[in-house]
């Protein structure tokens, strides 16, 4: 988890740098998720920067994990 926290910090600093740089564009950040073909749940951060009619996007902080196992019922006494 330490690496994902560092990646999130880098993404946040990048967004802050763009906002304070005076480029005049709009930057938005959103967390999204999907399930891959192996059944893993994956989350990522989508950063979108738009200026006029142009839009640029970047994906960061990709992390995939298998869902927790379903608890098995305990045997009856």
N, C-alpha and C. Protein backbone atom coordinates (compact mmCIF):
# COMPACT_ATOMS: atom_id res chain seq x y z
N UNK A 1 0.82 -1.19 0.00
CA UNK A 1 0.00 0.00 0.00
C UNK A 1 0.87 1.26 0.00
N UNK A 2 2.10 1.14 0.43
CA UNK A 2 2.97 2.30 0.51
C UNK A 2 3.22 2.88 -0.89
N UNK A 3 3.40 2.01 -1.87
CA UNK A 3 3.65 2.47 -3.24
C UNK A 3 2.44 3.19 -3.80
N UNK A 4 1.23 2.69 -3.51
CA UNK A 4 0.04 3.35 -4.04
C UNK A 4 -0.16 4.71 -3.40
N UNK A 5 0.19 4.85 -2.12
CA UNK A 5 0.10 6.15 -1.47
C UNK A 5 1.08 7.14 -2.08
N UNK A 6 2.28 6.66 -2.43
CA UNK A 6 3.27 7.52 -3.06
C UNK A 6 2.81 7.93 -4.45
N UNK A 7 2.22 7.01 -5.20
CA UNK A 7 1.72 7.33 -6.53
C UNK A 7 0.59 8.35 -6.44
N UNK A 8 -0.26 8.22 -5.44
CA UNK A 8 -1.33 9.18 -5.24
C UNK A 8 -0.79 10.56 -4.92
N UNK A 9 0.27 10.61 -4.12
CA UNK A 9 0.89 11.88 -3.78
C UNK A 9 1.49 12.53 -5.02
N UNK A 10 2.15 11.73 -5.86
CA UNK A 10 2.73 12.26 -7.09
C UNK A 10 1.63 12.82 -7.99
N UNK A 11 0.52 12.11 -8.10
CA UNK A 11 -0.59 12.58 -8.93
C UNK A 11 -1.16 13.88 -8.37
N UNK A 12 -1.31 13.97 -7.05
CA UNK A 12 -1.83 15.18 -6.44
C UNK A 12 -0.89 16.35 -6.65
N UNK A 13 0.42 16.12 -6.53
CA UNK A 13 1.38 17.19 -6.77
C UNK A 13 1.37 17.64 -8.22
N UNK A 14 1.18 16.70 -9.15
CA UNK A 14 1.10 17.05 -10.56
C UNK A 14 -0.10 17.94 -10.82
N UNK A 15 -1.24 17.57 -10.24
CA UNK A 15 -2.46 18.38 -10.40
C UNK A 15 -2.25 19.75 -9.79
N UNK A 16 -1.65 19.81 -8.61
CA UNK A 16 -1.41 21.10 -7.96
C UNK A 16 -0.46 21.96 -8.79
N UNK A 17 0.55 21.35 -9.39
CA UNK A 17 1.47 22.09 -10.24
C UNK A 17 0.79 22.67 -11.46
N UNK A 18 -0.10 21.91 -12.06
CA UNK A 18 -0.82 22.40 -13.23
C UNK A 18 -1.76 23.53 -12.84
N UNK A 19 -2.42 23.40 -11.70
CA UNK A 19 -3.36 24.44 -11.26
C UNK A 19 -2.64 25.74 -10.92
N UNK A 20 -1.47 25.66 -10.31
CA UNK A 20 -0.76 26.88 -9.93
C UNK A 20 0.12 27.41 -11.06
N UNK A 21 0.29 26.63 -12.11
CA UNK A 21 1.12 27.04 -13.23
C UNK A 21 0.48 28.08 -14.12
N UNK A 22 -0.80 28.31 -13.96
CA UNK A 22 -1.46 29.35 -14.74
C UNK A 22 -1.70 28.97 -16.19
N UNK A 23 -1.91 27.69 -16.49
CA UNK A 23 -2.17 27.32 -17.87
C UNK A 23 -3.59 27.65 -18.30
N UNK A 24 -4.46 27.98 -17.37
CA UNK A 24 -5.81 28.38 -17.74
C UNK A 24 -6.74 27.22 -18.04
N UNK A 25 -6.31 26.00 -17.88
CA UNK A 25 -7.14 24.84 -18.16
C UNK A 25 -7.88 24.37 -16.92
N UNK A 26 -8.72 23.37 -17.11
CA UNK A 26 -9.47 22.78 -16.02
C UNK A 26 -8.94 21.37 -15.78
N UNK A 27 -8.70 21.03 -14.53
CA UNK A 27 -8.19 19.72 -14.17
C UNK A 27 -9.20 19.06 -13.24
N UNK A 28 -9.55 17.81 -13.55
CA UNK A 28 -10.43 17.06 -12.65
C UNK A 28 -9.82 15.69 -12.40
N UNK A 29 -10.10 15.16 -11.23
CA UNK A 29 -9.56 13.87 -10.81
C UNK A 29 -10.70 13.03 -10.27
N UNK A 30 -10.79 11.78 -10.71
CA UNK A 30 -11.84 10.89 -10.21
C UNK A 30 -11.29 9.48 -10.06
N UNK A 31 -11.78 8.77 -9.05
CA UNK A 31 -11.39 7.38 -8.81
C UNK A 31 -12.42 6.50 -9.51
N UNK A 32 -11.95 5.54 -10.28
CA UNK A 32 -12.82 4.62 -11.03
C UNK A 32 -12.41 3.19 -10.74
N UNK A 33 -13.30 2.25 -11.06
CA UNK A 33 -12.99 0.84 -10.84
C UNK A 33 -13.61 -0.02 -11.92
N UNK A 34 -13.07 -1.24 -12.06
CA UNK A 34 -13.60 -2.23 -13.00
C UNK A 34 -13.17 -3.61 -12.53
N UNK A 35 -13.77 -4.65 -13.10
CA UNK A 35 -13.40 -6.03 -12.81
C UNK A 35 -12.75 -6.59 -14.07
N UNK A 36 -11.51 -7.10 -13.94
CA UNK A 36 -10.82 -7.62 -15.11
C UNK A 36 -11.27 -9.04 -15.43
N UNK A 37 -10.73 -9.61 -16.47
CA UNK A 37 -11.18 -10.94 -16.92
C UNK A 37 -10.78 -12.06 -15.97
N UNK A 38 -9.91 -11.78 -15.01
CA UNK A 38 -9.50 -12.78 -14.02
C UNK A 38 -10.32 -12.67 -12.73
N UNK A 39 -11.27 -11.75 -12.70
CA UNK A 39 -12.12 -11.58 -11.53
C UNK A 39 -11.55 -10.65 -10.47
N UNK A 40 -10.45 -9.99 -10.79
CA UNK A 40 -9.86 -9.05 -9.84
C UNK A 40 -10.59 -7.71 -9.91
N UNK A 41 -10.70 -7.05 -8.77
CA UNK A 41 -11.28 -5.72 -8.72
C UNK A 41 -10.13 -4.72 -8.83
N UNK A 42 -10.19 -3.86 -9.84
CA UNK A 42 -9.11 -2.90 -10.09
C UNK A 42 -9.64 -1.49 -9.91
N UNK A 43 -8.85 -0.64 -9.26
CA UNK A 43 -9.20 0.77 -9.12
C UNK A 43 -8.06 1.61 -9.68
N UNK A 44 -8.41 2.80 -10.16
CA UNK A 44 -7.41 3.71 -10.69
C UNK A 44 -7.90 5.15 -10.55
N UNK A 45 -6.99 6.09 -10.70
CA UNK A 45 -7.32 7.50 -10.66
C UNK A 45 -7.21 8.04 -12.08
N UNK A 46 -8.28 8.68 -12.55
CA UNK A 46 -8.31 9.28 -13.88
C UNK A 46 -8.18 10.79 -13.71
N UNK A 47 -7.12 11.36 -14.30
CA UNK A 47 -6.89 12.80 -14.24
C UNK A 47 -7.15 13.35 -15.64
N UNK A 48 -8.10 14.28 -15.74
CA UNK A 48 -8.46 14.88 -17.01
C UNK A 48 -8.12 16.37 -16.98
N UNK A 49 -7.39 16.82 -17.97
CA UNK A 49 -7.04 18.23 -18.09
C UNK A 49 -7.60 18.74 -19.41
N UNK A 50 -8.42 19.77 -19.34
CA UNK A 50 -8.99 20.31 -20.56
C UNK A 50 -8.68 21.80 -20.67
N UNK A 51 -8.42 22.21 -21.89
CA UNK A 51 -8.14 23.61 -22.18
C UNK A 51 -8.80 23.92 -23.52
N UNK A 52 -9.88 24.68 -23.48
CA UNK A 52 -10.63 24.97 -24.70
C UNK A 52 -11.31 23.70 -25.20
N UNK A 53 -11.09 23.38 -26.47
CA UNK A 53 -11.68 22.18 -27.06
C UNK A 53 -10.78 20.95 -26.89
N UNK A 54 -9.57 21.13 -26.42
CA UNK A 54 -8.61 20.04 -26.26
C UNK A 54 -8.74 19.40 -24.88
N UNK A 55 -8.61 18.09 -24.82
CA UNK A 55 -8.64 17.37 -23.54
C UNK A 55 -7.50 16.37 -23.52
N UNK A 56 -6.84 16.27 -22.38
CA UNK A 56 -5.75 15.33 -22.19
C UNK A 56 -6.05 14.57 -20.90
N UNK A 57 -5.76 13.27 -20.86
CA UNK A 57 -6.04 12.49 -19.66
C UNK A 57 -4.86 11.60 -19.33
N UNK A 58 -4.81 11.21 -18.07
CA UNK A 58 -3.74 10.36 -17.57
C UNK A 58 -4.33 9.41 -16.53
N UNK A 59 -3.83 8.20 -16.49
CA UNK A 59 -4.29 7.20 -15.52
C UNK A 59 -3.13 6.93 -14.57
N UNK A 60 -3.42 6.93 -13.26
CA UNK A 60 -2.38 6.63 -12.29
C UNK A 60 -2.96 5.82 -11.15
N UNK A 61 -2.09 5.32 -10.32
CA UNK A 61 -2.47 4.62 -9.09
C UNK A 61 -3.33 3.39 -9.37
N UNK A 62 -2.94 2.59 -10.38
CA UNK A 62 -3.67 1.37 -10.72
C UNK A 62 -3.35 0.29 -9.69
N UNK A 63 -4.40 -0.30 -9.12
CA UNK A 63 -4.22 -1.36 -8.13
C UNK A 63 -5.31 -2.41 -8.33
N UNK A 64 -4.91 -3.69 -8.43
CA UNK A 64 -5.85 -4.79 -8.62
C UNK A 64 -5.70 -5.81 -7.50
N UNK A 65 -6.82 -6.26 -6.96
CA UNK A 65 -6.84 -7.27 -5.91
C UNK A 65 -8.01 -8.22 -6.14
N UNK A 66 -7.82 -9.47 -5.73
CA UNK A 66 -8.94 -10.40 -5.76
C UNK A 66 -9.90 -10.04 -4.63
N UNK A 67 -11.20 -10.21 -4.84
CA UNK A 67 -12.15 -9.92 -3.75
C UNK A 67 -11.95 -10.91 -2.61
N UNK A 68 -12.36 -10.53 -1.41
CA UNK A 68 -12.19 -11.46 -0.28
C UNK A 68 -13.03 -12.71 -0.51
N UNK A 69 -12.58 -13.86 0.00
CA UNK A 69 -13.34 -15.11 -0.20
C UNK A 69 -14.67 -15.07 0.55
N UNK A 70 -15.63 -15.73 -0.02
CA UNK A 70 -16.94 -15.84 0.62
C UNK A 70 -16.81 -16.75 1.83
N UNK A 71 -17.30 -16.32 3.00
CA UNK A 71 -17.17 -17.17 4.18
C UNK A 71 -17.99 -18.45 4.02
N UNK A 72 -17.40 -19.57 4.39
CA UNK A 72 -18.08 -20.84 4.33
C UNK A 72 -18.94 -21.01 5.59
N UNK A 73 -20.13 -21.58 5.45
CA UNK A 73 -20.96 -21.78 6.63
C UNK A 73 -20.32 -22.81 7.56
N UNK A 74 -20.45 -22.58 8.84
CA UNK A 74 -19.87 -23.51 9.82
C UNK A 74 -20.79 -24.73 9.94
N UNK A 75 -20.18 -25.88 10.23
CA UNK A 75 -21.01 -27.11 10.38
C UNK A 75 -21.91 -27.01 11.61
N UNK A 76 -23.05 -27.62 11.52
CA UNK A 76 -23.98 -27.60 12.67
C UNK A 76 -23.49 -28.57 13.75
N UNK A 77 -23.74 -28.23 15.00
CA UNK A 77 -23.24 -29.08 16.10
C UNK A 77 -23.91 -30.41 16.20
